[in-house]
Each structure stands twice: as structure tokens, then as C-alpha cells.
């Protein structure tokens, strides 16, 4: 996605979140504030050399995107496969950060769920498919994600910049009505949504990814022209 946008003349900064792209054990030491600090550093880096700054992220990156957009004056916001509450029903009642932190003392990692309910889509977490470098969730990090989701939801009314939400119809992670829930709580007067009909959670790796990339490029260009 970054290369797609850069090829169209946009300045692109991809941020590697602390604990990511190294080894799973590193996730046990990071906190959600470390992830948000990385976003803040990126914003500060771009602010001095660019007239307009847009933020986008997928999954956890989408949660961070919405959290940062409530705090900083971005010119546009793109949330991709962004969960509103992460868990529902009895799982949500049990998934309290304090309890998860306690459990993490004994259970270091847990199995990741499927990303898609579309049997025709390649699942990067399926047996024999080696596309997920962290094949299991680090339990301690899951507690941080739950706390971050609460922080994100508390800040949603502060988001007034134009927003584009993108989600796959077959996303097995994000609530089916997540884009509606976000739209009801943010104060932006410009909200766009895009459904990808054959895609699960991993939009940027899906066969429909260029549909999403083009929509993002057009969304940014439109805001720049205003």
C-alpha cells in the first residue's frame, strides 16, 4: 500500500510498532502507550515537511489510527479492518485487562482465530501457510490491545477530520456493524465507507487490495483539492 501511494506522488511513512517485526517475546514488554508514542513520533516527523498529513492503519493499526486521530490534527483518517470493541458477548465480559494480565503469567501465548469466513480466500493463518510471522497471540499484549480499544472508544467524539472506513465482508475478526458504530460516534461531517465483497480481515494482502488502495488514493486527493 505504501509503495502504491508513493508511486502516485504521496510522501509515505510506514511505522514499525514496538514489539513488531522482531520476535513474539518482545511483545511481552511493550505497552499500548509505546505504540501510540511511535505514531506521535511519525506525526512530528512529517509535520515539518508536509502541508497535509493523513493517517491510516489496519486492524491494531486501525485502532491506533482512530486513537491518534482523536488527539492530533490529521487532515484525514483511514481505518482499515478496524474493530470497534474487539470481542462480543461472554468473551467481552471475561476479557478484562487485569484478568488477562494475570492469566499471562501462566499462559504466555494463545491461538489466533481465523481471519476470514470465506473458504475461497487464502487464510494466512491456515495450517501450512507461512504468511503470519507471529502465529500466536502474546497473551500479555492482548491485555494492552483491550486497554487501547477502550482508549480509542473514549476519544471517538473528538474526531472531526474526514474519515474513510474499509472492511471486508468476510472479516472474521471485526464486528459486521463496526463501520456504523464508528460513524455514529465520531463528529466528522465527512464519512466514507467501502466494503470489499470477497475479502476477510487482511485487506492489504487480499486479492481486492488494489480496490482499497485506489479508494485511499482518491480519498486523499479529494481532501487535498478542497
Protein backbone atom coordinates (compact mmCIF):
# COMPACT_ATOMS: atom_id res chain seq x y z
CA UNK A 1 0.00 0.00 0.00
CA UNK A 2 2.84 2.36 0.84
CA UNK A 3 4.52 1.73 -2.50
CA UNK A 4 1.21 2.21 -4.33
CA UNK A 5 0.70 5.62 -2.72
CA UNK A 6 4.34 6.66 -3.14
CA UNK A 7 4.16 5.82 -6.84
CA UNK A 8 1.31 8.34 -7.08
CA UNK A 9 3.31 11.17 -5.61
CA UNK A 10 2.42 10.95 -1.94
CA UNK A 11 5.05 11.08 0.80
CA UNK A 12 4.65 7.86 2.78
CA UNK A 13 5.96 6.91 6.22
CA UNK A 14 5.46 3.33 7.41
CA UNK A 15 5.85 2.97 11.16
CA UNK A 16 7.07 -0.26 12.71
CA UNK A 17 5.33 -0.57 16.05
CA UNK A 18 7.42 -1.57 19.08
CA UNK A 19 7.39 -5.33 19.56
CA UNK A 20 6.51 -5.97 15.91
CA UNK A 21 8.72 -7.41 13.15
CA UNK A 22 11.23 -8.79 15.66
CA UNK A 23 10.14 -11.80 17.72
CA UNK A 24 6.91 -12.57 19.63
CA UNK A 25 8.64 -12.48 23.02
CA UNK A 26 9.30 -8.76 22.51
CA UNK A 27 5.55 -8.13 22.65
CA UNK A 28 5.50 -9.02 26.35
CA UNK A 29 7.49 -5.93 27.25
CA UNK A 30 5.64 -3.27 25.25
CA UNK A 31 2.61 -1.27 26.32
CA UNK A 32 -0.07 0.40 24.24
CA UNK A 33 1.43 3.77 25.11
CA UNK A 34 4.63 2.66 23.33
CA UNK A 35 2.65 2.01 20.17
CA UNK A 36 0.92 5.38 20.37
CA UNK A 37 4.25 7.11 21.02
CA UNK A 38 5.55 5.65 17.75
CA UNK A 39 2.58 7.18 15.94
CA UNK A 40 3.22 10.53 17.62
CA UNK A 41 6.87 10.43 16.53
CA UNK A 42 5.78 9.80 12.94
CA UNK A 43 3.34 12.70 13.03
CA UNK A 44 6.05 15.02 14.35
CA UNK A 45 8.47 13.85 11.67
CA UNK A 46 6.04 14.57 8.85
CA UNK A 47 4.62 17.79 10.24
CA UNK A 48 7.69 19.85 9.40
CA UNK A 49 7.80 18.94 5.72
CA UNK A 50 4.23 18.28 4.55
CA UNK A 51 1.21 20.56 4.19
CA UNK A 52 -1.37 17.85 4.80
CA UNK A 53 -0.97 14.71 6.89
CA UNK A 54 -3.26 11.66 6.68
CA UNK A 55 -3.13 8.66 8.98
CA UNK A 56 -4.15 5.11 8.13
CA UNK A 57 -3.83 1.70 9.70
CA UNK A 58 -5.20 -1.84 9.57
CA UNK A 59 -6.53 -3.93 12.47
CA UNK A 60 -4.49 -2.90 15.55
CA UNK A 61 -3.10 -0.16 13.31
CA UNK A 62 -6.67 0.97 12.70
CA UNK A 63 -7.31 1.20 16.44
CA UNK A 64 -4.14 3.26 16.80
CA UNK A 65 -5.22 5.39 13.85
CA UNK A 66 -8.53 6.26 15.48
CA UNK A 67 -6.86 6.84 18.85
CA UNK A 68 -4.26 9.20 17.36
CA UNK A 69 -6.86 11.00 15.23
CA UNK A 70 -8.69 11.96 18.42
CA UNK A 71 -5.51 13.62 19.73
CA UNK A 72 -3.77 15.20 16.76
CA UNK A 73 -4.94 17.42 13.86
CA UNK A 74 -4.71 15.00 10.95
CA UNK A 75 -6.25 16.13 7.67
CA UNK A 76 -7.82 12.76 7.00
CA UNK A 77 -8.23 9.36 8.64
CA UNK A 78 -8.40 5.90 7.05
CA UNK A 79 -9.40 2.97 9.24
CA UNK A 80 -8.96 -0.46 7.64
CA UNK A 81 -10.42 -3.60 9.26
CA UNK A 82 -10.74 -1.66 12.50
CA UNK A 83 -12.51 -3.37 15.41
CA UNK A 84 -14.86 -1.27 17.48
CA UNK A 85 -14.93 -3.50 20.55
CA UNK A 86 -12.70 -6.46 19.62
CA UNK A 87 -14.84 -9.01 21.48
CA UNK A 88 -18.56 -9.57 21.97
CA UNK A 89 -20.85 -11.45 24.34
CA UNK A 90 -19.39 -13.65 27.07
CA UNK A 91 -15.87 -13.17 25.69
CA UNK A 92 -16.14 -9.42 26.23
CA UNK A 93 -17.30 -9.94 29.82
CA UNK A 94 -14.33 -12.18 30.59
CA UNK A 95 -11.73 -10.20 28.63
CA UNK A 96 -10.80 -7.69 31.27
CA UNK A 97 -7.26 -6.32 31.01
CA UNK A 98 -6.47 -7.08 34.66
CA UNK A 99 -7.62 -10.69 34.31
CA UNK A 100 -5.71 -11.15 31.05
CA UNK A 101 -2.55 -9.76 32.66
CA UNK A 102 -2.91 -12.32 35.47
CA UNK A 103 -3.54 -15.15 33.02
CA UNK A 104 -0.47 -14.11 31.03
CA UNK A 105 1.72 -15.08 33.99
CA UNK A 106 0.80 -18.71 33.29
CA UNK A 107 -0.31 -18.76 29.64
CA UNK A 108 2.24 -16.91 27.53
CA UNK A 109 0.58 -17.32 24.13
CA UNK A 110 -2.83 -18.26 22.75
CA UNK A 111 -4.03 -19.43 19.36
CA UNK A 112 -5.06 -16.80 16.85
CA UNK A 113 -8.56 -17.08 15.33
CA UNK A 114 -9.18 -17.31 11.56
CA UNK A 115 -9.08 -14.01 9.67
CA UNK A 116 -11.81 -14.78 7.16
CA UNK A 117 -15.04 -16.75 6.94
CA UNK A 118 -14.62 -17.01 3.16
CA UNK A 119 -13.50 -20.54 2.30
CA UNK A 120 -12.24 -19.37 -1.10
CA UNK A 121 -9.83 -16.81 0.39
CA UNK A 122 -6.28 -17.72 1.32
CA UNK A 123 -6.05 -17.63 5.13
CA UNK A 124 -2.57 -16.58 6.19
CA UNK A 125 -3.12 -18.43 9.48
CA UNK A 126 -4.19 -21.73 7.94
CA UNK A 127 -2.02 -24.82 8.57
CA UNK A 128 0.85 -24.95 6.12
CA UNK A 129 0.52 -21.29 5.10
CA UNK A 130 3.54 -19.29 6.23
CA UNK A 131 2.36 -15.68 5.93
CA UNK A 132 1.95 -14.77 9.60
CA UNK A 133 5.34 -14.18 11.30
CA UNK A 134 3.68 -14.19 14.73
CA UNK A 135 1.49 -17.33 14.52
CA UNK A 136 0.07 -16.94 18.06
CA UNK A 137 -1.14 -14.03 20.17
CA UNK A 138 1.12 -13.00 23.04
CA UNK A 139 -1.32 -13.01 25.95
CA UNK A 140 0.22 -10.03 27.76
CA UNK A 141 -0.01 -7.94 24.60
CA UNK A 142 -3.69 -8.82 24.23
CA UNK A 143 -4.34 -7.04 27.54
CA UNK A 144 -2.68 -3.94 26.08
CA UNK A 145 -4.88 -4.14 22.99
CA UNK A 146 -8.01 -4.29 25.17
CA UNK A 147 -6.92 -1.19 27.07
CA UNK A 148 -6.11 0.58 23.82
CA UNK A 149 -9.55 -0.21 22.40
CA UNK A 150 -11.16 1.43 25.44
CA UNK A 151 -8.92 4.47 24.99
CA UNK A 152 -9.92 4.64 21.33
CA UNK A 153 -13.64 4.47 22.05
CA UNK A 154 -13.43 7.17 24.70
CA UNK A 155 -11.80 9.53 22.19
CA UNK A 156 -14.08 8.97 19.18
CA UNK A 157 -16.20 12.12 19.73
CA UNK A 158 -13.00 14.16 19.26
CA UNK A 159 -12.52 13.00 15.66
CA UNK A 160 -13.70 15.71 13.26
CA UNK A 161 -11.40 15.13 10.26
CA UNK A 162 -12.73 13.39 7.11
CA UNK A 163 -12.76 9.61 7.56
CA UNK A 164 -12.71 6.61 5.23
CA UNK A 165 -13.53 3.18 6.64
CA UNK A 166 -12.70 -0.01 4.72
CA UNK A 167 -13.80 -3.51 5.70
CA UNK A 168 -14.10 -6.95 4.12
CA UNK A 169 -17.48 -8.64 4.02
CA UNK A 170 -15.84 -11.86 5.25
CA UNK A 171 -13.88 -10.33 8.12
CA UNK A 172 -13.96 -12.89 10.94
CA UNK A 173 -12.31 -10.54 13.46
CA UNK A 174 -14.16 -7.21 13.22
CA UNK A 175 -17.84 -6.71 14.02
CA UNK A 176 -20.06 -6.64 10.94
CA UNK A 177 -21.50 -3.30 12.05
CA UNK A 178 -18.18 -1.76 13.13
CA UNK A 179 -18.20 0.98 10.48
CA UNK A 180 -21.72 2.00 11.53
CA UNK A 181 -20.71 2.08 15.22
CA UNK A 182 -17.74 4.31 14.43
CA UNK A 183 -19.81 6.60 12.22
CA UNK A 184 -22.38 7.11 14.98
CA UNK A 185 -19.77 8.25 17.49
CA UNK A 186 -17.30 10.43 15.63
CA UNK A 187 -18.16 14.07 14.91
CA UNK A 188 -16.76 14.22 11.38
CA UNK A 189 -19.20 15.53 8.79
CA UNK A 190 -17.40 13.66 6.00
CA UNK A 191 -17.51 9.87 6.38
CA UNK A 192 -16.99 7.38 3.57
CA UNK A 193 -17.21 3.60 3.76
CA UNK A 194 -16.03 0.84 1.42
CA UNK A 195 -17.00 -2.82 1.58
CA UNK A 196 -14.76 -5.37 -0.15
CA UNK A 197 -17.09 -8.19 -1.11
CA UNK A 198 -14.66 -11.13 -1.23
CA UNK A 199 -12.19 -10.11 1.48
CA UNK A 200 -11.61 -11.09 5.10
CA UNK A 201 -9.57 -9.24 7.72
CA UNK A 202 -6.30 -8.86 5.83
CA UNK A 203 -7.36 -6.19 3.34
CA UNK A 204 -3.83 -5.11 2.33
CA UNK A 205 -2.91 -8.70 1.39
CA UNK A 206 -6.19 -9.63 -0.26
CA UNK A 207 -6.94 -10.06 -3.95
CA UNK A 208 -9.07 -6.91 -3.72
CA UNK A 209 -6.31 -4.83 -2.16
CA UNK A 210 -5.89 -2.54 -5.17
CA UNK A 211 -9.55 -1.56 -4.91
CA UNK A 212 -8.78 -0.38 -1.38
CA UNK A 213 -5.53 1.30 -2.44
CA UNK A 214 -7.27 3.23 -5.22
CA UNK A 215 -10.07 4.32 -2.87
CA UNK A 216 -7.50 5.57 -0.37
CA UNK A 217 -5.57 7.49 -3.02
CA UNK A 218 -8.78 9.09 -4.31
CA UNK A 219 -9.92 9.95 -0.79
CA UNK A 220 -6.62 11.71 -0.03
CA UNK A 221 -6.54 13.52 -3.38
CA UNK A 222 -10.11 14.75 -2.88
CA UNK A 223 -9.31 16.20 0.54
CA UNK A 224 -6.17 17.87 -0.78
CA UNK A 225 -8.18 19.59 -3.54
CA UNK A 226 -10.74 21.01 -1.09
